[in-house]
Amino acid sequence: MSANILVIDDAATVRMYHRKMLGDAGWRIEEAVNGVEALEKVANQPKDQPFDLYVVDINMPKMDGYTFVRELRRLGHVPQAPVLMVSTEAQVQDATAAQDAGANCYLVKPAKPAELVLTAALLLGDLPAAQKAGGIHLAAGGLQ
């Protein structure tokens, strides 16, 4: 079963870029333009198709990425999935704030396609996608 990813970013070009890169890896992609819309999608997700990963921008109108992640982590009735924050904010304190809010990983925009897909694959536990994105080949004896 293909992973279900929610991409949350107010920039249409970034959502299109993430949809293309992650969709080409074989995952289903849904989009939201801010944290408020994302929380509505989380609340209305089918029980048999929960989101497996959230790719979240920080700076968005109505509700920023930090607030979205904190609110998501408070929802006890929703299956919790990894959060990958992707932002233009490149300071150490930004990554720390993302982690403090409940994010699992932090990338600086623009994330390179292989970096984005490899990070998503690792968070999803999708070994074939990780191998493909990272150019890793497994042989009988281990990594090559």
C-alpha atoms as a PDB file:
ATOM      1  CA  MET A   1       0.000   0.000   0.000  1.00  0.00           C
ATOM      2  CA  SER A   2       1.347   3.388  -1.015  1.00  0.00           C
ATOM      3  CA  ALA A   3       2.122   5.934   1.699  1.00  0.00           C
ATOM      4  CA  ASN A   4      -0.247   8.869   2.124  1.00  0.00           C
ATOM      5  CA  ILE A   5       1.575  12.218   2.517  1.00  0.00           C
ATOM      6  CA  LEU A   6       0.092  15.620   3.381  1.00  0.00           C
ATOM      7  CA  VAL A   7       2.133  18.542   2.006  1.00  0.00           C
ATOM      8  CA  ILE A   8       1.383  21.796   3.855  1.00  0.00           C
ATOM      9  CA  ASP A   9       2.752  24.994   2.305  1.00  0.00           C
ATOM     10  CA  ASP A  10       1.207  28.321   1.336  1.00  0.00           C
ATOM     11  CA  ALA A  11       3.295  28.574  -1.859  1.00  0.00           C
ATOM     12  CA  ALA A  12       1.658  26.808  -4.813  1.00  0.00           C
ATOM     13  CA  THR A  13       5.036  26.333  -6.546  1.00  0.00           C
ATOM     14  CA  VAL A  14       6.480  24.572  -3.500  1.00  0.00           C
ATOM     15  CA  ARG A  15       3.416  22.317  -3.209  1.00  0.00           C
ATOM     16  CA  MET A  16       3.739  21.436  -6.912  1.00  0.00           C
ATOM     17  CA  TYR A  17       7.471  20.705  -6.498  1.00  0.00           C
ATOM     18  CA  HIS A  18       6.892  18.473  -3.464  1.00  0.00           C
ATOM     19  CA  ARG A  19       3.927  16.756  -5.170  1.00  0.00           C
ATOM     20  CA  LYS A  20       6.111  15.977  -8.204  1.00  0.00           C
ATOM     21  CA  MET A  21       9.145  14.698  -6.260  1.00  0.00           C
ATOM     22  CA  LEU A  22       7.192  12.670  -3.698  1.00  0.00           C
ATOM     23  CA  GLY A  23       4.549  11.513  -6.172  1.00  0.00           C
ATOM     24  CA  ASP A  24       7.241  10.240  -8.548  1.00  0.00           C
ATOM     25  CA  ALA A  25       8.535   8.106  -5.660  1.00  0.00           C
ATOM     26  CA  GLY A  26       5.183   6.320  -5.700  1.00  0.00           C
ATOM     27  CA  TRP A  27       3.410   7.975  -2.777  1.00  0.00           C
ATOM     28  CA  ARG A  28      -0.087   9.522  -2.681  1.00  0.00           C
ATOM     29  CA  ILE A  29       0.023  13.270  -2.062  1.00  0.00           C
ATOM     30  CA  GLU A  30      -2.602  15.590  -0.620  1.00  0.00           C
ATOM     31  CA  GLU A  31      -2.094  19.304  -0.101  1.00  0.00           C
ATOM     32  CA  ALA A  32      -3.081  22.059   2.324  1.00  0.00           C
ATOM     33  CA  VAL A  33      -2.261  25.775   2.115  1.00  0.00           C
ATOM     34  CA  ASN A  34      -1.887  26.370   5.872  1.00  0.00           C
ATOM     35  CA  GLY A  35      -2.091  24.687   9.252  1.00  0.00           C
ATOM     36  CA  VAL A  36      -5.811  25.322   9.673  1.00  0.00           C
ATOM     37  CA  GLU A  37      -6.673  23.561   6.400  1.00  0.00           C
ATOM     38  CA  ALA A  38      -4.217  20.784   7.275  1.00  0.00           C
ATOM     39  CA  LEU A  39      -5.882  20.140  10.652  1.00  0.00           C
ATOM     40  CA  GLU A  40      -9.263  19.969   8.878  1.00  0.00           C
ATOM     41  CA  LYS A  41      -7.851  17.362   6.486  1.00  0.00           C
ATOM     42  CA  VAL A  42      -6.383  15.405   9.414  1.00  0.00           C
ATOM     43  CA  ALA A  43      -9.750  15.471  11.208  1.00  0.00           C
ATOM     44  CA  ASN A  44     -11.546  14.256   8.074  1.00  0.00           C
ATOM     45  CA  GLN A  45      -9.058  11.626   6.887  1.00  0.00           C
ATOM     46  CA  PRO A  46     -10.568   8.169   6.344  1.00  0.00           C
ATOM     47  CA  LYS A  47      -9.765   5.852   9.256  1.00  0.00           C
ATOM     48  CA  ASP A  48      -8.344   3.270   6.844  1.00  0.00           C
ATOM     49  CA  GLN A  49      -6.125   5.846   5.059  1.00  0.00           C
ATOM     50  CA  PRO A  50      -4.380   7.943   7.712  1.00  0.00           C
ATOM     51  CA  PHE A  51      -1.556  10.242   6.735  1.00  0.00           C
ATOM     52  CA  ASP A  52       1.806   8.469   6.977  1.00  0.00           C
ATOM     53  CA  LEU A  53       3.923  11.635   6.745  1.00  0.00           C
ATOM     54  CA  TYR A  54       3.471  15.391   6.966  1.00  0.00           C
ATOM     55  CA  VAL A  55       5.752  17.725   4.968  1.00  0.00           C
ATOM     56  CA  VAL A  56       5.292  21.114   6.620  1.00  0.00           C
ATOM     57  CA  ASP A  57       6.411  24.672   5.890  1.00  0.00           C
ATOM     58  CA  ILE A  58       6.966  27.012   8.859  1.00  0.00           C
ATOM     59  CA  ASN A  59       5.864  30.442   7.630  1.00  0.00           C
ATOM     60  CA  MET A  60       2.209  30.309   6.551  1.00  0.00           C
ATOM     61  CA  PRO A  61      -0.848  32.529   7.107  1.00  0.00           C
ATOM     62  CA  LYS A  62      -3.620  31.608   9.596  1.00  0.00           C
ATOM     63  CA  MET A  63      -1.530  28.910  11.328  1.00  0.00           C
ATOM     64  CA  ASP A  64       2.210  28.428  11.010  1.00  0.00           C
ATOM     65  CA  GLY A  65       3.988  25.090  10.845  1.00  0.00           C
ATOM     66  CA  TYR A  66       5.119  25.072  14.478  1.00  0.00           C
ATOM     67  CA  THR A  67       1.541  25.589  15.696  1.00  0.00           C
ATOM     68  CA  PHE A  68       0.221  22.941  13.298  1.00  0.00           C
ATOM     69  CA  VAL A  69       2.700  20.351  14.601  1.00  0.00           C
ATOM     70  CA  ARG A  70       1.939  21.186  18.252  1.00  0.00           C
ATOM     71  CA  GLU A  71      -1.815  20.878  17.564  1.00  0.00           C
ATOM     72  CA  LEU A  72      -1.322  17.645  15.605  1.00  0.00           C
ATOM     73  CA  ARG A  73       0.669  16.108  18.464  1.00  0.00           C
ATOM     74  CA  ARG A  74      -2.172  16.983  20.891  1.00  0.00           C
ATOM     75  CA  LEU A  75      -4.724  14.962  18.891  1.00  0.00           C
ATOM     76  CA  GLY A  76      -4.886  11.684  20.774  1.00  0.00           C
ATOM     77  CA  HIS A  77      -7.495  10.131  18.469  1.00  0.00           C
ATOM     78  CA  VAL A  78      -5.385  10.563  15.320  1.00  0.00           C
ATOM     79  CA  PRO A  79      -2.628   8.104  14.355  1.00  0.00           C
ATOM     80  CA  GLN A  80       0.617  10.024  14.831  1.00  0.00           C
ATOM     81  CA  ALA A  81       2.952  10.114  11.838  1.00  0.00           C
ATOM     82  CA  PRO A  82       6.381  11.646  11.286  1.00  0.00           C
ATOM     83  CA  VAL A  83       6.661  15.342  10.465  1.00  0.00           C
ATOM     84  CA  LEU A  84       9.291  16.645   8.045  1.00  0.00           C
ATOM     85  CA  MET A  85       9.596  20.421   8.273  1.00  0.00           C
ATOM     86  CA  VAL A  86      10.930  22.147   5.157  1.00  0.00           C
ATOM     87  CA  SER A  87      11.604  25.875   5.449  1.00  0.00           C
ATOM     88  CA  THR A  88      13.730  28.726   4.151  1.00  0.00           C
ATOM     89  CA  GLU A  89      14.662  29.402   7.777  1.00  0.00           C
ATOM     90  CA  ALA A  90      18.226  28.120   8.006  1.00  0.00           C
ATOM     91  CA  GLN A  91      19.308  28.963  11.548  1.00  0.00           C
ATOM     92  CA  VAL A  92      20.028  26.291  14.158  1.00  0.00           C
ATOM     93  CA  GLN A  93      17.293  27.725  16.393  1.00  0.00           C
ATOM     94  CA  ASP A  94      14.728  27.113  13.633  1.00  0.00           C
ATOM     95  CA  ALA A  95      15.523  23.398  13.514  1.00  0.00           C
ATOM     96  CA  THR A  96      15.495  23.305  17.329  1.00  0.00           C
ATOM     97  CA  ALA A  97      12.098  25.034  17.429  1.00  0.00           C
ATOM     98  CA  ALA A  98      10.768  22.506  14.897  1.00  0.00           C
ATOM     99  CA  GLN A  99      11.997  19.637  17.048  1.00  0.00           C
ATOM    100  CA  ASP A 100      10.543  21.247  20.186  1.00  0.00           C
ATOM    101  CA  ALA A 101       7.158  21.527  18.418  1.00  0.00           C
ATOM    102  CA  GLY A 102       7.224  17.788  17.640  1.00  0.00           C
ATOM    103  CA  ALA A 103       8.806  17.552  14.186  1.00  0.00           C
ATOM    104  CA  ASN A 104      10.995  14.555  13.409  1.00  0.00           C
ATOM    105  CA  CYS A 105      13.274  16.094  10.793  1.00  0.00           C
ATOM    106  CA  TYR A 106      14.183  19.482   9.286  1.00  0.00           C
ATOM    107  CA  LEU A 107      15.320  20.408   5.787  1.00  0.00           C
ATOM    108  CA  VAL A 108      16.173  23.848   4.405  1.00  0.00           C
ATOM    109  CA  LYS A 109      14.398  24.979   1.202  1.00  0.00           C
ATOM    110  CA  PRO A 110      14.893  24.412  -1.545  1.00  0.00           C
ATOM    111  CA  ALA A 111      15.466  20.775  -0.660  1.00  0.00           C
ATOM    112  CA  LYS A 112      17.259  18.838  -3.375  1.00  0.00           C
ATOM    113  CA  PRO A 113      14.987  16.175  -4.915  1.00  0.00           C
ATOM    114  CA  ALA A 114      17.117  13.226  -3.736  1.00  0.00           C
ATOM    115  CA  GLU A 115      17.436  14.743  -0.242  1.00  0.00           C
ATOM    116  CA  LEU A 116      13.662  15.297   0.024  1.00  0.00           C
ATOM    117  CA  VAL A 117      12.752  11.823  -1.247  1.00  0.00           C
ATOM    118  CA  LEU A 118      15.454  10.039   0.760  1.00  0.00           C
ATOM    119  CA  THR A 119      14.448  11.803   3.985  1.00  0.00           C
ATOM    120  CA  ALA A 120      10.760  11.044   3.362  1.00  0.00           C
ATOM    121  CA  ALA A 121      11.570   7.401   2.546  1.00  0.00           C
ATOM    122  CA  LEU A 122      13.579   6.998   5.748  1.00  0.00           C
ATOM    123  CA  LEU A 123      10.799   8.556   7.851  1.00  0.00           C
ATOM    124  CA  LEU A 124       8.270   6.267   6.153  1.00  0.00           C
ATOM    125  CA  GLY A 125      10.455   3.169   6.491  1.00  0.00           C
ATOM    126  CA  ASP A 126      10.236   2.691   2.717  1.00  0.00           C
ATOM    127  CA  LEU A 127      13.505   0.872   2.016  1.00  0.00           C
ATOM    128  CA  PRO A 128      13.071   0.502  -1.779  1.00  0.00           C
ATOM    129  CA  ALA A 129      12.369   4.250  -2.175  1.00  0.00           C
ATOM    130  CA  ALA A 130      15.296   5.099   0.122  1.00  0.00           C
ATOM    131  CA  GLN A 131      17.629   2.868  -1.884  1.00  0.00           C
ATOM    132  CA  LYS A 132      16.478   4.415  -5.142  1.00  0.00           C
ATOM    133  CA  ALA A 133      16.751   8.007  -3.882  1.00  0.00           C
ATOM    134  CA  GLY A 134      20.108   7.422  -2.219  1.00  0.00           C
ATOM    135  CA  GLY A 135      21.597   5.355  -5.005  1.00  0.00           C
ATOM    136  CA  ILE A 136      22.188   2.571  -2.485  1.00  0.00           C
ATOM    137  CA  HIS A 137      22.373  -1.036  -3.617  1.00  0.00           C
ATOM    138  CA  LEU A 138      21.989  -3.927  -1.255  1.00  0.00           C
ATOM    139  CA  ALA A 139      23.924  -7.053  -1.973  1.00  0.00           C
ATOM    140  CA  ALA A 140      23.891 -10.347  -0.106  1.00  0.00           C
ATOM    141  CA  GLY A 141      26.775  -9.125   2.043  1.00  0.00           C
ATOM    142  CA  GLY A 142      25.334  -5.683   2.885  1.00  0.00           C
ATOM    143  CA  LEU A 143      25.663  -2.177   1.482  1.00  0.00           C
ATOM    144  CA  GLN A 144      27.681  -1.470  -1.635  1.00  0.00           C
END
